[in-house]
C-alpha atoms as a PDB file:
ATOM      1  CA  MET A   1       0.000   0.000   0.000  1.00  0.00           C
ATOM      2  CA  ILE A   2       2.840   2.377   0.919  1.00  0.00           C
ATOM      3  CA  LYS A   3       4.640   1.523  -2.324  1.00  0.00           C
ATOM      4  CA  PHE A   4       1.446   2.199  -4.308  1.00  0.00           C
ATOM      5  CA  ALA A   5       0.943   5.568  -2.589  1.00  0.00           C
ATOM      6  CA  PHE A   6       4.579   6.431  -3.261  1.00  0.00           C
ATOM      7  CA  ARG A   7       4.197   5.606  -6.946  1.00  0.00           C
ATOM      8  CA  ILE A   8       1.067   7.731  -7.171  1.00  0.00           C
ATOM      9  CA  SER A   9       2.823  10.692  -5.527  1.00  0.00           C
ATOM     10  CA  VAL A  10       5.783  10.315  -7.931  1.00  0.00           C
ATOM     11  CA  LEU A  11       3.458  10.250 -10.932  1.00  0.00           C
ATOM     12  CA  ILE A  12       1.616  13.338  -9.674  1.00  0.00           C
ATOM     13  CA  SER A  13       4.921  15.147  -9.113  1.00  0.00           C
ATOM     14  CA  ILE A  14       6.121  14.302 -12.604  1.00  0.00           C
ATOM     15  CA  SER A  15       2.793  15.419 -14.096  1.00  0.00           C
ATOM     16  CA  LEU A  16       3.000  18.717 -12.243  1.00  0.00           C
ATOM     17  CA  LEU A  17       6.558  19.251 -13.481  1.00  0.00           C
ATOM     18  CA  ILE A  18       5.497  18.480 -17.056  1.00  0.00           C
ATOM     19  CA  TYR A  19       2.680  21.026 -16.735  1.00  0.00           C
ATOM     20  CA  TYR A  20       4.327  23.859 -14.814  1.00  0.00           C
ATOM     21  CA  ILE A  21       7.815  23.918 -16.312  1.00  0.00           C
ATOM     22  CA  PRO A  22       6.672  24.540 -19.933  1.00  0.00           C
ATOM     23  CA  GLU A  23       4.014  26.995 -18.738  1.00  0.00           C
ATOM     24  CA  LYS A  24       6.579  29.040 -16.826  1.00  0.00           C
ATOM     25  CA  TYR A  25       9.071  28.667 -19.680  1.00  0.00           C
ATOM     26  CA  TRP A  26       6.733  30.144 -22.309  1.00  0.00           C
ATOM     27  CA  LYS A  27       5.977  33.060 -20.005  1.00  0.00           C
ATOM     28  CA  LEU A  28       9.624  34.051 -19.707  1.00  0.00           C
ATOM     29  CA  ASP A  29      10.620  37.564 -20.753  1.00  0.00           C
ATOM     30  CA  TYR A  30      12.296  36.121 -23.856  1.00  0.00           C
ATOM     31  CA  PHE A  31       8.863  35.697 -25.410  1.00  0.00           C
ATOM     32  CA  THR A  32       7.599  39.239 -24.876  1.00  0.00           C
ATOM     33  CA  ILE A  33       7.597  41.676 -27.795  1.00  0.00           C
ATOM     34  CA  LYS A  34      10.548  44.060 -27.635  1.00  0.00           C
ATOM     35  CA  LYS A  35      10.908  44.850 -31.338  1.00  0.00           C
ATOM     36  CA  ILE A  36       8.581  45.046 -34.348  1.00  0.00           C
ATOM     37  CA  ASN A  37       9.854  44.626 -37.921  1.00  0.00           C
ATOM     38  CA  ILE A  38       8.078  45.746 -41.098  1.00  0.00           C
ATOM     39  CA  LEU A  39       8.570  43.941 -44.410  1.00  0.00           C
ATOM     40  CA  GLY A  40       7.203  45.101 -47.739  1.00  0.00           C
ATOM     41  CA  ASP A  41       7.097  48.444 -49.504  1.00  0.00           C
ATOM     42  CA  THR A  42       4.714  50.285 -47.214  1.00  0.00           C
ATOM     43  CA  LYS A  43       4.408  53.824 -45.949  1.00  0.00           C
ATOM     44  CA  ILE A  44       2.144  52.749 -43.098  1.00  0.00           C
ATOM     45  CA  SER A  45       4.052  53.360 -39.874  1.00  0.00           C
ATOM     46  CA  THR A  46       4.838  50.791 -37.182  1.00  0.00           C
ATOM     47  CA  ARG A  47       2.674  52.762 -34.780  1.00  0.00           C
ATOM     48  CA  GLU A  48      -0.326  52.602 -37.130  1.00  0.00           C
ATOM     49  CA  LEU A  49       0.118  48.865 -37.713  1.00  0.00           C
ATOM     50  CA  THR A  50       0.331  48.075 -34.001  1.00  0.00           C
ATOM     51  CA  GLU A  51      -2.763  50.175 -33.368  1.00  0.00           C
ATOM     52  CA  LEU A  52      -4.650  48.485 -36.213  1.00  0.00           C
ATOM     53  CA  GLY A  53      -3.628  45.046 -34.946  1.00  0.00           C
ATOM     54  CA  LYS A  54      -4.309  46.022 -31.310  1.00  0.00           C
ATOM     55  CA  ILE A  55      -0.789  45.019 -30.295  1.00  0.00           C
ATOM     56  CA  THR A  56       1.212  46.413 -27.392  1.00  0.00           C
ATOM     57  CA  TYR A  57       4.911  46.039 -26.654  1.00  0.00           C
ATOM     58  CA  ASN A  58       5.769  43.512 -23.914  1.00  0.00           C
ATOM     59  CA  SER A  59       2.866  41.306 -25.002  1.00  0.00           C
ATOM     60  CA  ASN A  60       3.637  37.601 -24.747  1.00  0.00           C
ATOM     61  CA  ILE A  61       3.833  36.011 -28.187  1.00  0.00           C
ATOM     62  CA  TRP A  62       2.229  32.762 -27.040  1.00  0.00           C
ATOM     63  CA  TYR A  63      -0.363  33.943 -24.520  1.00  0.00           C
ATOM     64  CA  ASP A  64      -1.395  37.447 -25.617  1.00  0.00           C
ATOM     65  CA  LEU A  65      -1.293  37.325 -29.418  1.00  0.00           C
ATOM     66  CA  ASN A  66      -3.399  35.539 -32.004  1.00  0.00           C
ATOM     67  CA  PHE A  67      -1.624  36.033 -35.341  1.00  0.00           C
ATOM     68  CA  SER A  68      -4.667  35.134 -37.434  1.00  0.00           C
ATOM     69  CA  SER A  69      -6.837  37.688 -35.599  1.00  0.00           C
ATOM     70  CA  ILE A  70      -4.159  40.373 -36.018  1.00  0.00           C
ATOM     71  CA  GLU A  71      -3.992  39.703 -39.773  1.00  0.00           C
ATOM     72  CA  ASN A  72      -7.781  39.990 -40.069  1.00  0.00           C
ATOM     73  CA  LEU A  73      -7.739  43.306 -38.202  1.00  0.00           C
ATOM     74  CA  LEU A  74      -5.036  44.648 -40.522  1.00  0.00           C
ATOM     75  CA  LEU A  75      -6.984  43.596 -43.615  1.00  0.00           C
ATOM     76  CA  GLU A  76      -9.951  45.673 -42.467  1.00  0.00           C
ATOM     77  CA  ASP A  77      -7.909  48.736 -43.473  1.00  0.00           C
ATOM     78  CA  VAL A  78      -8.515  49.467 -47.183  1.00  0.00           C
ATOM     79  CA  ARG A  79      -4.870  50.506 -47.616  1.00  0.00           C
ATOM     80  CA  ILE A  80      -3.749  46.899 -46.988  1.00  0.00           C
ATOM     81  CA  SER A  81      -4.367  44.117 -49.520  1.00  0.00           C
ATOM     82  CA  LYS A  82      -2.268  41.344 -47.913  1.00  0.00           C
ATOM     83  CA  ALA A  83      -0.922  40.920 -44.388  1.00  0.00           C
ATOM     84  CA  SER A  84       1.126  38.247 -42.675  1.00  0.00           C
ATOM     85  CA  VAL A  85       2.223  38.362 -39.022  1.00  0.00           C
ATOM     86  CA  PHE A  86       4.820  36.029 -37.535  1.00  0.00           C
ATOM     87  CA  SER A  87       7.692  35.725 -35.081  1.00  0.00           C
ATOM     88  CA  ASN A  88      10.863  33.874 -36.024  1.00  0.00           C
ATOM     89  CA  THR A  89      13.185  35.531 -33.499  1.00  0.00           C
ATOM     90  CA  LEU A  90      12.783  35.728 -29.729  1.00  0.00           C
ATOM     91  CA  GLY A  91      11.241  39.040 -28.677  1.00  0.00           C
ATOM     92  CA  GLU A  92      10.519  40.170 -32.229  1.00  0.00           C
ATOM     93  CA  LEU A  93       7.276  40.403 -34.194  1.00  0.00           C
ATOM     94  CA  THR A  94       7.270  40.841 -37.968  1.00  0.00           C
ATOM     95  CA  PHE A  95       4.590  42.371 -40.200  1.00  0.00           C
ATOM     96  CA  ASP A  96       4.762  41.467 -43.899  1.00  0.00           C
ATOM     97  CA  ILE A  97       2.505  44.042 -45.531  1.00  0.00           C
ATOM     98  CA  GLU A  98       1.354  44.522 -49.121  1.00  0.00           C
ATOM     99  CA  GLU A  99      -0.471  47.775 -49.740  1.00  0.00           C
ATOM    100  CA  SER A 100      -3.442  48.131 -52.075  1.00  0.00           C
ATOM    101  CA  ASP A 101      -2.378  48.900 -55.624  1.00  0.00           C
ATOM    102  CA  ILE A 102      -3.716  51.896 -57.549  1.00  0.00           C
ATOM    103  CA  PHE A 103      -6.215  50.616 -60.092  1.00  0.00           C
ATOM    104  CA  CYS A 104      -7.418  54.076 -61.056  1.00  0.00           C
ATOM    105  CA  TYR A 105      -7.646  57.621 -59.741  1.00  0.00           C
ATOM    106  CA  ALA A 106     -10.961  59.144 -58.769  1.00  0.00           C
ATOM    107  CA  GLN A 107     -11.967  62.778 -58.686  1.00  0.00           C
ATOM    108  CA  ILE A 108     -14.422  63.336 -55.853  1.00  0.00           C
ATOM    109  CA  ASP A 109     -15.432  66.970 -55.496  1.00  0.00           C
ATOM    110  CA  ASN A 110     -12.133  68.823 -55.959  1.00  0.00           C
ATOM    111  CA  ARG A 111      -9.686  66.146 -54.750  1.00  0.00           C
ATOM    112  CA  ILE A 112      -7.990  63.236 -56.489  1.00  0.00           C
ATOM    113  CA  HIS A 113      -8.159  59.934 -54.603  1.00  0.00           C
ATOM    114  CA  LEU A 114      -6.557  56.518 -54.997  1.00  0.00           C
ATOM    115  CA  VAL A 115      -8.910  53.639 -55.804  1.00  0.00           C
ATOM    116  CA  ASN A 116      -8.148  49.911 -55.628  1.00  0.00           C
ATOM    117  CA  GLU A 117      -9.485  47.102 -57.818  1.00  0.00           C
ATOM    118  CA  LYS A 118     -12.517  46.684 -55.546  1.00  0.00           C
ATOM    119  CA  GLY A 119     -13.546  50.306 -56.037  1.00  0.00           C
ATOM    120  CA  GLU A 120     -12.486  51.301 -52.526  1.00  0.00           C
ATOM    121  CA  VAL A 121     -10.929  54.721 -51.956  1.00  0.00           C
ATOM    122  CA  PHE A 122      -7.755  54.229 -49.912  1.00  0.00           C
ATOM    123  CA  GLY A 123      -5.776  57.458 -50.080  1.00  0.00           C
ATOM    124  CA  PHE A 124      -4.945  60.710 -51.831  1.00  0.00           C
ATOM    125  CA  LEU A 125      -2.902  61.395 -54.966  1.00  0.00           C
ATOM    126  CA  SER A 126       0.097  62.709 -53.013  1.00  0.00           C
ATOM    127  CA  GLU A 127       0.441  59.536 -50.915  1.00  0.00           C
ATOM    128  CA  LYS A 128       1.816  57.236 -53.623  1.00  0.00           C
ATOM    129  CA  ASP A 129       4.000  57.446 -56.708  1.00  0.00           C
ATOM    130  CA  LYS A 130       1.991  58.286 -59.810  1.00  0.00           C
ATOM    131  CA  LYS A 131       0.874  55.560 -62.195  1.00  0.00           C
ATOM    132  CA  ASN A 132      -0.372  55.632 -65.761  1.00  0.00           C
ATOM    133  CA  VAL A 133      -3.975  54.682 -64.960  1.00  0.00           C
ATOM    134  CA  PRO A 134      -7.284  56.377 -65.856  1.00  0.00           C
ATOM    135  CA  LEU A 135      -8.903  59.145 -63.859  1.00  0.00           C
ATOM    136  CA  VAL A 136     -12.585  58.472 -63.170  1.00  0.00           C
ATOM    137  CA  ILE A 137     -15.005  61.237 -62.236  1.00  0.00           C
ATOM    138  CA  LEU A 138     -17.272  60.159 -59.367  1.00  0.00           C
ATOM    139  CA  ASN A 139     -20.001  62.767 -59.300  1.00  0.00           C
ATOM    140  CA  GLU A 140     -22.660  60.984 -57.253  1.00  0.00           C
ATOM    141  CA  ASP A 141     -23.690  62.743 -54.051  1.00  0.00           C
ATOM    142  CA  ASN A 142     -23.238  59.928 -51.498  1.00  0.00           C
ATOM    143  CA  ASN A 143     -20.745  57.177 -50.809  1.00  0.00           C
ATOM    144  CA  GLU A 144     -23.011  54.242 -51.694  1.00  0.00           C
ATOM    145  CA  LYS A 145     -23.838  55.678 -55.119  1.00  0.00           C
ATOM    146  CA  ARG A 146     -20.182  56.550 -55.701  1.00  0.00           C
ATOM    147  CA  MET A 147     -19.190  52.934 -54.993  1.00  0.00           C
ATOM    148  CA  LEU A 148     -21.730  51.699 -57.567  1.00  0.00           C
ATOM    149  CA  GLN A 149     -20.493  54.231 -60.095  1.00  0.00           C
ATOM    150  CA  ALA A 150     -16.859  53.274 -59.425  1.00  0.00           C
ATOM    151  CA  SER A 151     -17.789  49.596 -59.867  1.00  0.00           C
ATOM    152  CA  LYS A 152     -19.162  50.316 -63.358  1.00  0.00           C
ATOM    153  CA  PHE A 153     -16.014  52.167 -64.366  1.00  0.00           C
ATOM    154  CA  ILE A 154     -13.749  49.452 -62.973  1.00  0.00           C
ATOM    155  CA  ASP A 155     -15.571  46.735 -64.933  1.00  0.00           C
ATOM    156  CA  ILE A 156     -14.991  48.740 -68.118  1.00  0.00           C
ATOM    157  CA  ILE A 157     -11.328  49.416 -67.278  1.00  0.00           C
ATOM    158  CA  LYS A 158     -10.742  45.676 -66.730  1.00  0.00           C
ATOM    159  CA  VAL A 159     -12.004  44.970 -70.242  1.00  0.00           C
ATOM    160  CA  ILE A 160      -9.993  47.846 -71.742  1.00  0.00           C
ATOM    161  CA  ASN A 161      -6.874  46.546 -69.963  1.00  0.00           C
ATOM    162  CA  GLU A 162      -7.038  43.420 -72.119  1.00  0.00           C
ATOM    163  CA  THR A 163      -6.510  45.534 -75.241  1.00  0.00           C
ATOM    164  CA  ASN A 164      -3.831  47.909 -76.515  1.00  0.00           C
ATOM    165  CA  LEU A 165      -6.153  50.798 -75.724  1.00  0.00           C
ATOM    166  CA  LYS A 166      -5.312  50.549 -72.030  1.00  0.00           C
ATOM    167  CA  GLU A 167      -2.487  53.076 -72.335  1.00  0.00           C
ATOM    168  CA  LEU A 168      -4.758  55.558 -74.145  1.00  0.00           C
ATOM    169  CA  VAL A 169      -7.701  55.957 -71.735  1.00  0.00           C
ATOM    170  CA  SER A 170      -7.023  59.063 -69.679  1.00  0.00           C
ATOM    171  CA  GLN A 171     -10.423  59.875 -68.177  1.00  0.00           C
ATOM    172  CA  ILE A 172     -13.827  58.289 -67.617  1.00  0.00           C
ATOM    173  CA  TYR A 173     -17.078  59.908 -66.593  1.00  0.00           C
ATOM    174  CA  GLN A 174     -20.781  59.131 -66.715  1.00  0.00           C
ATOM    175  CA  LYS A 175     -23.010  61.545 -68.623  1.00  0.00           C
ATOM    176  CA  ASP A 176     -26.275  59.728 -67.985  1.00  0.00           C
ATOM    177  CA  GLU A 177     -27.625  56.280 -67.136  1.00  0.00           C
ATOM    178  CA  ASN A 178     -26.933  54.961 -70.630  1.00  0.00           C
ATOM    179  CA  LEU A 179     -23.769  56.867 -71.504  1.00  0.00           C
ATOM    180  CA  ILE A 180     -20.273  56.493 -70.082  1.00  0.00           C
ATOM    181  CA  ILE A 181     -17.553  58.419 -71.907  1.00  0.00           C
ATOM    182  CA  LEU A 182     -13.935  57.317 -72.185  1.00  0.00           C
ATOM    183  CA  ILE A 183     -11.636  60.172 -73.155  1.00  0.00           C
ATOM    184  CA  LEU A 184      -8.487  59.019 -74.934  1.00  0.00           C
ATOM    185  CA  THR A 185      -5.167  60.839 -74.766  1.00  0.00           C
ATOM    186  CA  ASP A 186      -5.696  62.335 -78.248  1.00  0.00           C
ATOM    187  CA  GLY A 187      -9.098  63.754 -77.254  1.00  0.00           C
ATOM    188  CA  THR A 188     -11.203  61.071 -78.940  1.00  0.00           C
ATOM    189  CA  ASN A 189     -14.352  60.186 -77.002  1.00  0.00           C
ATOM    190  CA  ILE A 190     -15.483  56.571 -76.779  1.00  0.00           C
ATOM    191  CA  ASN A 191     -19.186  56.414 -75.956  1.00  0.00           C
ATOM    192  CA  THR A 192     -20.052  53.217 -74.127  1.00  0.00           C
ATOM    193  CA  ASN A 193     -22.045  51.693 -71.263  1.00  0.00           C
ATOM    194  CA  THR A 194     -21.993  48.599 -69.083  1.00  0.00           C
ATOM    195  CA  VAL A 195     -23.808  46.516 -71.713  1.00  0.00           C
ATOM    196  CA  VAL A 196     -21.030  46.737 -74.325  1.00  0.00           C
ATOM    197  CA  ASP A 197     -19.162  43.415 -74.373  1.00  0.00           C
ATOM    198  CA  LYS A 198     -15.466  42.529 -74.598  1.00  0.00           C
ATOM    199  CA  GLU A 199     -15.612  41.583 -78.293  1.00  0.00           C
ATOM    200  CA  LYS A 200     -16.746  45.069 -79.263  1.00  0.00           C
ATOM    201  CA  TYR A 201     -13.765  46.626 -77.486  1.00  0.00           C
ATOM    202  CA  LYS A 202     -11.444  44.272 -79.362  1.00  0.00           C
ATOM    203  CA  ILE A 203     -12.948  45.400 -82.661  1.00  0.00           C
ATOM    204  CA  LEU A 204     -12.676  49.010 -81.487  1.00  0.00           C
ATOM    205  CA  GLU A 205      -8.953  48.525 -80.947  1.00  0.00           C
ATOM    206  CA  VAL A 206      -8.447  47.724 -84.654  1.00  0.00           C
ATOM    207  CA  LEU A 207     -10.977  50.282 -85.890  1.00  0.00           C
ATOM    208  CA  TYR A 208      -9.523  53.142 -83.858  1.00  0.00           C
ATOM    209  CA  TYR A 209      -5.981  52.721 -85.179  1.00  0.00           C
ATOM    210  CA  GLU A 210      -7.285  52.497 -88.753  1.00  0.00           C
ATOM    211  CA  LEU A 211      -9.410  55.646 -88.408  1.00  0.00           C
ATOM    212  CA  ILE A 212      -6.767  57.893 -86.851  1.00  0.00           C
ATOM    213  CA  ARG A 213      -4.340  57.289 -89.730  1.00  0.00           C
ATOM    214  CA  GLU A 214      -6.158  59.837 -91.876  1.00  0.00           C
ATOM    215  CA  ASN A 215      -8.737  61.503 -89.656  1.00  0.00           C
ATOM    216  CA  LYS A 216      -9.130  63.211 -86.329  1.00  0.00           C
ATOM    217  CA  ILE A 217     -12.018  61.521 -84.561  1.00  0.00           C
ATOM    218  CA  GLN A 218     -14.506  63.309 -82.317  1.00  0.00           C
ATOM    219  CA  TYR A 219     -16.173  60.152 -81.031  1.00  0.00           C
ATOM    220  CA  ILE A 220     -16.805  56.488 -81.635  1.00  0.00           C
ATOM    221  CA  ASP A 221     -20.070  55.168 -80.215  1.00  0.00           C
ATOM    222  CA  LEU A 222     -20.150  51.491 -79.187  1.00  0.00           C
ATOM    223  CA  ARG A 223     -23.690  51.385 -77.834  1.00  0.00           C
ATOM    224  CA  PHE A 224     -25.404  50.362 -81.052  1.00  0.00           C
ATOM    225  CA  GLU A 225     -25.241  47.296 -83.274  1.00  0.00           C
ATOM    226  CA  ASP A 226     -22.976  49.147 -85.701  1.00  0.00           C
ATOM    227  CA  PHE A 227     -20.138  51.455 -84.710  1.00  0.00           C
ATOM    228  CA  VAL A 228     -21.097  55.104 -85.004  1.00  0.00           C
ATOM    229  CA  VAL A 229     -18.138  57.324 -85.894  1.00  0.00           C
ATOM    230  CA  LYS A 230     -18.037  61.104 -85.991  1.00  0.00           C
ATOM    231  CA  LYS A 231     -14.980  62.780 -87.420  1.00  0.00           C
ATOM    232  CA  VAL A 232     -13.901  66.250 -86.301  1.00  0.00           C
ATOM    233  CA  GLY A 233     -15.551  68.753 -88.651  1.00  0.00           C
ATOM    234  CA  ASP A 234     -18.495  66.494 -89.586  1.00  0.00           C
ATOM    235  CA  SER A 235     -21.918  68.055 -89.147  1.00  0.00           C
END
């Protein structure tokens, strides 16, 4: 009986050691955040990222932080398209951040904004290096309508980007419900709408380059079964 009790006490002692030693080990100061590293080409500051991820220095990597939750919090910011958080060195936390890319510019009131592929506004013109992408005019009077308008323009830009015309579209605006105008760099207007399909833009690509060889074009209208072309000077 004494031997049995002794064995039980030894087993309990070993179990307690197995439980408490690792627990105390993981809580050592070695595993608290002393330094934060930022990877990726981002202008978002360390302070902003820690605030977005709700992280504080001296947090324990194992007990206080959930990397997946931090990544989800970061991705709620429209400026960030991809985020990875990890620790591969004691006392250090690393953010690998990819910022949203500029899909187009948007004029809202009197300011130029940056817009991503989802149609989300994520900054101002001065905050990133300039790109050769179209400027869209968002003239709706509330955010929800602007998002719908931006979505229309983005769908058209995606189709245009599959043709050689992508370098020529400088500005896009909506004149009415059935008319969206693409202004090319030479001043030619392309009249279109959301119903015009990809094949018509591919034909336009060939037609446009043929027409401008000998004529200055005022507009090409894609909204009808046949292409409607008006040359500069035509009545």
